[in-house]
Amino acid sequence: MQEVRKQKKVFSRFQIDIKYLTDIPEYEIWRWEHHFPKYLISARDYKTGAIYLAYTQEKSSMATALFVDYLLSSLQYYGIDPQSIVIQTDNGKEFTNPTDRKVTLFEKLVKEKYQATHFLIPYRRPTWNSDVESFHNLIEEEFFLSEKPNSEIDLLAKTFAYQIWFNSFRNNRGRNNQNLEQIFQSELNTKKPLPNIPPILVDKYIQLIAKDNEVGYFLPLPPS
């Protein structure tokens, strides 16, 4: 995997997946009390390992479409061309429609709005998404088992703090014991920090909608 990763460019391939949060007892207590989201959507850059996150109450193409729109528009704001990005997912209905091949909203946004590439991993081959799957194990152990947010704002703030720590300060043994920002800077020969894209609750992001050629496209805001 390390040899394959060496051939990839920074922010050229993202693995996106959804993590169930309802099977984490420590989080479930707080979820019921504060009506917290049921799912975490994660996008992980294959080269650096950088992670970007969002929460949602439903596992659907609408939710993942909102997230990928927010992610790609934010990367574009940082000067990264979405057309150079491959979005890798499994074959779940939140990403694609495996039965009649009707294009989902997620696919429409990736392919038509941003002209990025959508790559579906083979069926029953979860190891193809091992980078983002391994992150889901880490965030459960390092975040959801220990943090006790008391509101949605507190949940997003703590998640953003964890994301910043994970991307810019946490050393990764699988990547020469560097932190992910060091890899980003080394690969691009820059002193610029990794793009900071705050986590969102996609259910409250849906009001930012615009219509483009009779097709409903979301109009995301860049990170402030």
C-alpha atoms as a PDB file:
ATOM      1  CA  MET A   1       0.000   0.000   0.000  1.00  0.00           C
ATOM      2  CA  GLN A   2       2.851   2.376   0.790  1.00  0.00           C
ATOM      3  CA  GLU A   3       4.352   1.834  -2.658  1.00  0.00           C
ATOM      4  CA  VAL A   4       1.003   2.501  -4.344  1.00  0.00           C
ATOM      5  CA  ARG A   5       0.462   5.586  -2.177  1.00  0.00           C
ATOM      6  CA  LYS A   6       3.822   7.025  -3.238  1.00  0.00           C
ATOM      7  CA  GLN A   7       2.540   7.217  -6.818  1.00  0.00           C
ATOM      8  CA  LYS A   8      -0.531   9.269  -5.889  1.00  0.00           C
ATOM      9  CA  LYS A   9      -0.739  13.037  -5.702  1.00  0.00           C
ATOM     10  CA  VAL A  10      -1.968  15.045  -2.742  1.00  0.00           C
ATOM     11  CA  PHE A  11      -5.753  15.417  -2.709  1.00  0.00           C
ATOM     12  CA  SER A  12      -6.184  13.397  -5.902  1.00  0.00           C
ATOM     13  CA  ARG A  13      -8.209  10.557  -4.366  1.00  0.00           C
ATOM     14  CA  PHE A  14     -10.694  10.567  -1.478  1.00  0.00           C
ATOM     15  CA  GLN A  15     -12.275   7.555   0.162  1.00  0.00           C
ATOM     16  CA  ILE A  16     -15.761   8.467   1.435  1.00  0.00           C
ATOM     17  CA  ASP A  17     -17.791   6.297   3.789  1.00  0.00           C
ATOM     18  CA  ILE A  18     -20.494   6.478   6.467  1.00  0.00           C
ATOM     19  CA  LYS A  19     -20.032   5.334  10.049  1.00  0.00           C
ATOM     20  CA  TYR A  20     -22.964   4.234  12.233  1.00  0.00           C
ATOM     21  CA  LEU A  21     -22.849   6.039  15.570  1.00  0.00           C
ATOM     22  CA  THR A  22     -25.828   4.282  17.156  1.00  0.00           C
ATOM     23  CA  ASP A  23     -23.731   1.253  18.159  1.00  0.00           C
ATOM     24  CA  ILE A  24     -21.417   3.301  20.420  1.00  0.00           C
ATOM     25  CA  PRO A  25     -22.985   3.129  23.915  1.00  0.00           C
ATOM     26  CA  GLU A  26     -21.060   6.137  25.260  1.00  0.00           C
ATOM     27  CA  TYR A  27     -22.259   8.309  22.366  1.00  0.00           C
ATOM     28  CA  GLU A  28     -25.774   6.844  22.309  1.00  0.00           C
ATOM     29  CA  ILE A  29     -26.479   8.182  25.795  1.00  0.00           C
ATOM     30  CA  TRP A  30     -25.724  11.719  24.644  1.00  0.00           C
ATOM     31  CA  ARG A  31     -27.423  11.213  21.286  1.00  0.00           C
ATOM     32  CA  TRP A  32     -30.766  10.400  22.886  1.00  0.00           C
ATOM     33  CA  GLU A  33     -30.511  13.261  25.365  1.00  0.00           C
ATOM     34  CA  HIS A  34     -29.503  15.931  22.830  1.00  0.00           C
ATOM     35  CA  HIS A  35     -30.957  14.447  19.591  1.00  0.00           C
ATOM     36  CA  PHE A  36     -27.507  14.118  18.069  1.00  0.00           C
ATOM     37  CA  PRO A  37     -26.981  12.721  14.536  1.00  0.00           C
ATOM     38  CA  LYS A  38     -27.008   8.972  13.865  1.00  0.00           C
ATOM     39  CA  TYR A  39     -24.237   8.897  11.264  1.00  0.00           C
ATOM     40  CA  LEU A  40     -20.797  10.321  10.527  1.00  0.00           C
ATOM     41  CA  ILE A  41     -19.727  10.940   6.921  1.00  0.00           C
ATOM     42  CA  SER A  42     -15.956  10.823   6.437  1.00  0.00           C
ATOM     43  CA  ALA A  43     -13.724  11.709   3.490  1.00  0.00           C
ATOM     44  CA  ARG A  44     -10.066  10.702   3.718  1.00  0.00           C
ATOM     45  CA  ASP A  45      -7.321  11.739   1.318  1.00  0.00           C
ATOM     46  CA  TYR A  46      -5.469   8.614   0.208  1.00  0.00           C
ATOM     47  CA  LYS A  47      -2.068  10.322  -0.043  1.00  0.00           C
ATOM     48  CA  THR A  48      -1.811  12.304   3.171  1.00  0.00           C
ATOM     49  CA  GLY A  49      -4.515  10.637   5.267  1.00  0.00           C
ATOM     50  CA  ALA A  50      -6.178  14.015   5.939  1.00  0.00           C
ATOM     51  CA  ILE A  51      -9.775  13.690   7.095  1.00  0.00           C
ATOM     52  CA  TYR A  52     -12.912  15.810   6.597  1.00  0.00           C
ATOM     53  CA  LEU A  53     -16.181  15.147   8.382  1.00  0.00           C
ATOM     54  CA  ALA A  54     -19.919  15.782   8.520  1.00  0.00           C
ATOM     55  CA  TYR A  55     -22.869  14.500  10.540  1.00  0.00           C
ATOM     56  CA  THR A  56     -26.289  13.429   9.312  1.00  0.00           C
ATOM     57  CA  GLN A  57     -29.528  12.049  10.720  1.00  0.00           C
ATOM     58  CA  GLU A  58     -30.175   9.894   7.664  1.00  0.00           C
ATOM     59  CA  LYS A  59     -28.120   7.567   5.515  1.00  0.00           C
ATOM     60  CA  SER A  60     -29.134   8.759   2.053  1.00  0.00           C
ATOM     61  CA  SER A  61     -27.912  10.070  -1.272  1.00  0.00           C
ATOM     62  CA  MET A  62     -29.209  13.490  -0.256  1.00  0.00           C
ATOM     63  CA  ALA A  63     -26.964  13.519   2.808  1.00  0.00           C
ATOM     64  CA  THR A  64     -23.842  12.371   1.000  1.00  0.00           C
ATOM     65  CA  ALA A  65     -24.554  14.764  -1.877  1.00  0.00           C
ATOM     66  CA  LEU A  66     -24.713  17.704   0.523  1.00  0.00           C
ATOM     67  CA  PHE A  67     -21.428  16.634   2.042  1.00  0.00           C
ATOM     68  CA  VAL A  68     -19.554  16.060  -1.218  1.00  0.00           C
ATOM     69  CA  ASP A  69     -20.809  19.406  -2.528  1.00  0.00           C
ATOM     70  CA  TYR A  70     -19.518  21.128   0.593  1.00  0.00           C
ATOM     71  CA  LEU A  71     -16.215  19.253   0.430  1.00  0.00           C
ATOM     72  CA  LEU A  72     -15.445  19.801  -3.257  1.00  0.00           C
ATOM     73  CA  SER A  73     -16.495  23.449  -3.237  1.00  0.00           C
ATOM     74  CA  SER A  74     -14.309  24.062  -0.178  1.00  0.00           C
ATOM     75  CA  LEU A  75     -11.311  22.371  -1.819  1.00  0.00           C
ATOM     76  CA  GLN A  76     -11.964  24.481  -4.911  1.00  0.00           C
ATOM     77  CA  TYR A  77     -11.922  27.561  -2.672  1.00  0.00           C
ATOM     78  CA  TYR A  78      -8.428  26.470  -1.579  1.00  0.00           C
ATOM     79  CA  GLY A  79      -7.289  26.242  -5.199  1.00  0.00           C
ATOM     80  CA  ILE A  80      -7.679  22.492  -5.724  1.00  0.00           C
ATOM     81  CA  ASP A  81      -9.315  21.584  -9.048  1.00  0.00           C
ATOM     82  CA  PRO A  82     -12.214  19.123  -8.461  1.00  0.00           C
ATOM     83  CA  GLN A  83     -11.700  17.695 -11.961  1.00  0.00           C
ATOM     84  CA  SER A  84      -8.408  16.216 -10.747  1.00  0.00           C
ATOM     85  CA  ILE A  85     -10.085  14.360  -7.862  1.00  0.00           C
ATOM     86  CA  VAL A  86     -11.294  10.753  -7.730  1.00  0.00           C
ATOM     87  CA  ILE A  87     -14.099  10.121  -5.235  1.00  0.00           C
ATOM     88  CA  GLN A  88     -14.003   6.482  -4.114  1.00  0.00           C
ATOM     89  CA  THR A  89     -17.019   4.858  -2.406  1.00  0.00           C
ATOM     90  CA  ASP A  90     -18.617   1.490  -1.872  1.00  0.00           C
ATOM     91  CA  ASN A  91     -21.809   0.436  -3.673  1.00  0.00           C
ATOM     92  CA  GLY A  92     -24.251   1.540  -0.978  1.00  0.00           C
ATOM     93  CA  LYS A  93     -27.512   3.263  -1.946  1.00  0.00           C
ATOM     94  CA  GLU A  94     -26.288   6.437  -0.272  1.00  0.00           C
ATOM     95  CA  PHE A  95     -23.800   6.742  -3.135  1.00  0.00           C
ATOM     96  CA  THR A  96     -25.120   4.823  -6.133  1.00  0.00           C
ATOM     97  CA  ASN A  97     -28.167   2.914  -7.318  1.00  0.00           C
ATOM     98  CA  PRO A  98     -27.028  -0.655  -7.925  1.00  0.00           C
ATOM     99  CA  THR A  99     -30.426  -1.973  -9.061  1.00  0.00           C
ATOM    100  CA  ASP A 100     -31.607   0.153 -11.996  1.00  0.00           C
ATOM    101  CA  ARG A 101     -28.512   2.371 -12.387  1.00  0.00           C
ATOM    102  CA  LYS A 102     -30.614   5.496 -12.016  1.00  0.00           C
ATOM    103  CA  VAL A 103     -28.177   8.313 -11.304  1.00  0.00           C
ATOM    104  CA  THR A 104     -28.237   9.412  -7.680  1.00  0.00           C
ATOM    105  CA  LEU A 105     -27.910  13.002  -6.542  1.00  0.00           C
ATOM    106  CA  PHE A 106     -24.464  12.151  -5.163  1.00  0.00           C
ATOM    107  CA  GLU A 107     -23.298  10.904  -8.574  1.00  0.00           C
ATOM    108  CA  LYS A 108     -24.874  13.852 -10.344  1.00  0.00           C
ATOM    109  CA  LEU A 109     -22.995  16.372  -8.229  1.00  0.00           C
ATOM    110  CA  VAL A 110     -19.659  14.563  -8.438  1.00  0.00           C
ATOM    111  CA  LYS A 111     -19.754  13.922 -12.174  1.00  0.00           C
ATOM    112  CA  GLU A 112     -21.839  16.766 -13.614  1.00  0.00           C
ATOM    113  CA  LYS A 113     -21.339  19.743 -11.339  1.00  0.00           C
ATOM    114  CA  TYR A 114     -17.672  19.193 -10.458  1.00  0.00           C
ATOM    115  CA  GLN A 115     -16.635  16.858 -13.302  1.00  0.00           C
ATOM    116  CA  ALA A 116     -14.755  14.738 -10.800  1.00  0.00           C
ATOM    117  CA  THR A 117     -14.433  10.964 -11.152  1.00  0.00           C
ATOM    118  CA  HIS A 118     -16.585   8.590  -9.108  1.00  0.00           C
ATOM    119  CA  PHE A 119     -14.903   5.213  -8.540  1.00  0.00           C
ATOM    120  CA  LEU A 120     -16.931   2.325  -7.082  1.00  0.00           C
ATOM    121  CA  ILE A 121     -14.953  -0.344  -5.263  1.00  0.00           C
ATOM    122  CA  PRO A 122     -15.759  -3.999  -6.061  1.00  0.00           C
ATOM    123  CA  TYR A 123     -18.706  -5.584  -4.258  1.00  0.00           C
ATOM    124  CA  ARG A 124     -17.902  -7.174  -0.884  1.00  0.00           C
ATOM    125  CA  ARG A 125     -14.378  -5.759  -0.883  1.00  0.00           C
ATOM    126  CA  PRO A 126     -14.373  -3.343   2.098  1.00  0.00           C
ATOM    127  CA  THR A 127     -10.575  -3.505   2.310  1.00  0.00           C
ATOM    128  CA  TRP A 128     -10.473  -1.233  -0.739  1.00  0.00           C
ATOM    129  CA  ASN A 129     -11.682   1.493   1.649  1.00  0.00           C
ATOM    130  CA  SER A 130      -9.323   0.457   4.427  1.00  0.00           C
ATOM    131  CA  ASP A 131      -7.934   3.970   4.983  1.00  0.00           C
ATOM    132  CA  VAL A 132     -11.263   5.525   5.872  1.00  0.00           C
ATOM    133  CA  GLU A 133     -12.398   2.365   7.703  1.00  0.00           C
ATOM    134  CA  SER A 134      -9.298   2.453   9.906  1.00  0.00           C
ATOM    135  CA  PHE A 135     -10.026   6.103  10.676  1.00  0.00           C
ATOM    136  CA  HIS A 136     -13.512   5.130  11.851  1.00  0.00           C
ATOM    137  CA  ASN A 137     -11.924   2.820  14.407  1.00  0.00           C
ATOM    138  CA  LEU A 138      -9.587   5.582  15.549  1.00  0.00           C
ATOM    139  CA  ILE A 139     -12.234   8.270  15.960  1.00  0.00           C
ATOM    140  CA  GLU A 140     -14.418   5.891  17.954  1.00  0.00           C
ATOM    141  CA  GLU A 141     -11.579   5.153  20.370  1.00  0.00           C
ATOM    142  CA  GLU A 142     -10.088   8.648  20.528  1.00  0.00           C
ATOM    143  CA  PHE A 143     -13.217  10.794  20.344  1.00  0.00           C
ATOM    144  CA  PHE A 144     -16.646   9.189  20.745  1.00  0.00           C
ATOM    145  CA  LEU A 145     -15.664   7.090  23.762  1.00  0.00           C
ATOM    146  CA  SER A 146     -14.321  10.079  25.666  1.00  0.00           C
ATOM    147  CA  GLU A 147     -15.959  13.352  24.613  1.00  0.00           C
ATOM    148  CA  LYS A 148     -19.265  14.437  26.158  1.00  0.00           C
ATOM    149  CA  PRO A 149     -20.728  17.274  24.056  1.00  0.00           C
ATOM    150  CA  ASN A 150     -23.793  18.991  25.481  1.00  0.00           C
ATOM    151  CA  SER A 151     -25.225  20.568  22.310  1.00  0.00           C
ATOM    152  CA  GLU A 152     -24.975  20.356  18.522  1.00  0.00           C
ATOM    153  CA  ILE A 153     -22.680  23.389  18.490  1.00  0.00           C
ATOM    154  CA  ASP A 154     -20.476  21.754  21.115  1.00  0.00           C
ATOM    155  CA  LEU A 155     -20.443  18.505  19.110  1.00  0.00           C
ATOM    156  CA  LEU A 156     -19.317  20.308  15.949  1.00  0.00           C
ATOM    157  CA  ALA A 157     -16.726  22.368  17.832  1.00  0.00           C
ATOM    158  CA  LYS A 158     -15.194  19.341  19.549  1.00  0.00           C
ATOM    159  CA  THR A 159     -15.231  17.406  16.277  1.00  0.00           C
ATOM    160  CA  PHE A 160     -13.461  20.265  14.512  1.00  0.00           C
ATOM    161  CA  ALA A 161     -10.847  20.383  17.270  1.00  0.00           C
ATOM    162  CA  TYR A 162     -10.286  16.638  16.895  1.00  0.00           C
ATOM    163  CA  GLN A 163     -10.066  16.984  13.104  1.00  0.00           C
ATOM    164  CA  ILE A 164      -7.423  19.725  13.411  1.00  0.00           C
ATOM    165  CA  TRP A 165      -5.435  17.611  15.888  1.00  0.00           C
ATOM    166  CA  PHE A 166      -5.709  14.519  13.675  1.00  0.00           C
ATOM    167  CA  ASN A 167      -4.670  16.360  10.500  1.00  0.00           C
ATOM    168  CA  SER A 168      -1.958  18.641  11.849  1.00  0.00           C
ATOM    169  CA  PHE A 169      -0.523  17.218  15.068  1.00  0.00           C
ATOM    170  CA  ARG A 170      -1.103  13.472  15.371  1.00  0.00           C
ATOM    171  CA  ASN A 171       1.840  11.449  14.042  1.00  0.00           C
ATOM    172  CA  ASN A 172       0.960   8.500  11.808  1.00  0.00           C
ATOM    173  CA  ARG A 173       3.099   5.352  12.064  1.00  0.00           C
ATOM    174  CA  GLY A 174       1.867   4.160   8.665  1.00  0.00           C
ATOM    175  CA  ARG A 175       3.205   7.339   7.065  1.00  0.00           C
ATOM    176  CA  ASN A 176       6.799   7.449   8.358  1.00  0.00           C
ATOM    177  CA  ASN A 177       5.639   8.736  11.746  1.00  0.00           C
ATOM    178  CA  GLN A 178       4.883  12.165  10.288  1.00  0.00           C
ATOM    179  CA  ASN A 179       1.772  14.174  10.932  1.00  0.00           C
ATOM    180  CA  LEU A 180      -0.471  14.615   7.930  1.00  0.00           C
ATOM    181  CA  GLU A 181       0.224  18.310   7.502  1.00  0.00           C
ATOM    182  CA  GLN A 182       3.954  17.568   7.222  1.00  0.00           C
ATOM    183  CA  ILE A 183       3.226  15.122   4.393  1.00  0.00           C
ATOM    184  CA  PHE A 184       1.060  17.736   2.662  1.00  0.00           C
ATOM    185  CA  GLN A 185       3.771  20.393   2.921  1.00  0.00           C
ATOM    186  CA  SER A 186       6.558  18.044   1.889  1.00  0.00           C
ATOM    187  CA  GLU A 187       4.728  16.739  -1.172  1.00  0.00           C
ATOM    188  CA  LEU A 188       3.785  20.215  -2.394  1.00  0.00           C
ATOM    189  CA  ASN A 189       6.996  21.932  -1.223  1.00  0.00           C
ATOM    190  CA  THR A 190       4.993  24.553   0.636  1.00  0.00           C
ATOM    191  CA  LYS A 191       4.660  26.014   4.107  1.00  0.00           C
ATOM    192  CA  LYS A 192       0.908  26.387   3.765  1.00  0.00           C
ATOM    193  CA  PRO A 193      -1.184  24.445   6.288  1.00  0.00           C
ATOM    194  CA  LEU A 194      -3.639  21.761   5.271  1.00  0.00           C
ATOM    195  CA  PRO A 195      -7.009  23.140   4.134  1.00  0.00           C
ATOM    196  CA  ASN A 196      -9.266  23.637   7.144  1.00  0.00           C
ATOM    197  CA  ILE A 197     -12.839  22.597   6.358  1.00  0.00           C
ATOM    198  CA  PRO A 198     -15.076  22.637   9.454  1.00  0.00           C
ATOM    199  CA  PRO A 199     -17.472  19.730  10.023  1.00  0.00           C
ATOM    200  CA  ILE A 200     -21.134  20.407   9.294  1.00  0.00           C
ATOM    201  CA  LEU A 201     -24.512  18.923  10.116  1.00  0.00           C
ATOM    202  CA  VAL A 202     -25.804  18.311   6.601  1.00  0.00           C
ATOM    203  CA  ASP A 203     -29.449  18.295   7.713  1.00  0.00           C
ATOM    204  CA  LYS A 204     -29.118  22.020   8.471  1.00  0.00           C
ATOM    205  CA  TYR A 205     -27.105  22.741   5.336  1.00  0.00           C
ATOM    206  CA  ILE A 206     -29.925  22.025   2.916  1.00  0.00           C
ATOM    207  CA  GLN A 207     -31.237  25.600   2.852  1.00  0.00           C
ATOM    208  CA  LEU A 208     -28.281  26.614   0.672  1.00  0.00           C
ATOM    209  CA  ILE A 209     -29.841  25.521  -2.613  1.00  0.00           C
ATOM    210  CA  ALA A 210     -29.673  27.064  -6.059  1.00  0.00           C
ATOM    211  CA  LYS A 211     -31.046  25.907  -9.394  1.00  0.00           C
ATOM    212  CA  ASP A 212     -28.789  25.472 -12.388  1.00  0.00           C
ATOM    213  CA  ASN A 213     -30.317  24.640 -15.763  1.00  0.00           C
ATOM    214  CA  GLU A 214     -33.437  23.153 -14.158  1.00  0.00           C
ATOM    215  CA  VAL A 215     -31.314  20.787 -12.072  1.00  0.00           C
ATOM    216  CA  GLY A 216     -31.266  21.389  -8.332  1.00  0.00           C
ATOM    217  CA  TYR A 217     -27.667  22.074  -7.356  1.00  0.00           C
ATOM    218  CA  PHE A 218     -26.596  23.077  -3.913  1.00  0.00           C
ATOM    219  CA  LEU A 219     -24.833  26.392  -3.459  1.00  0.00           C
ATOM    220  CA  PRO A 220     -22.304  25.837  -0.695  1.00  0.00           C
ATOM    221  CA  LEU A 221     -20.491  28.533   1.229  1.00  0.00           C
ATOM    222  CA  PRO A 222     -16.703  28.475   1.465  1.00  0.00           C
ATOM    223  CA  PRO A 223     -15.282  28.021   4.977  1.00  0.00           C
ATOM    224  CA  SER A 224     -14.951  31.333   6.799  1.00  0.00           C
END
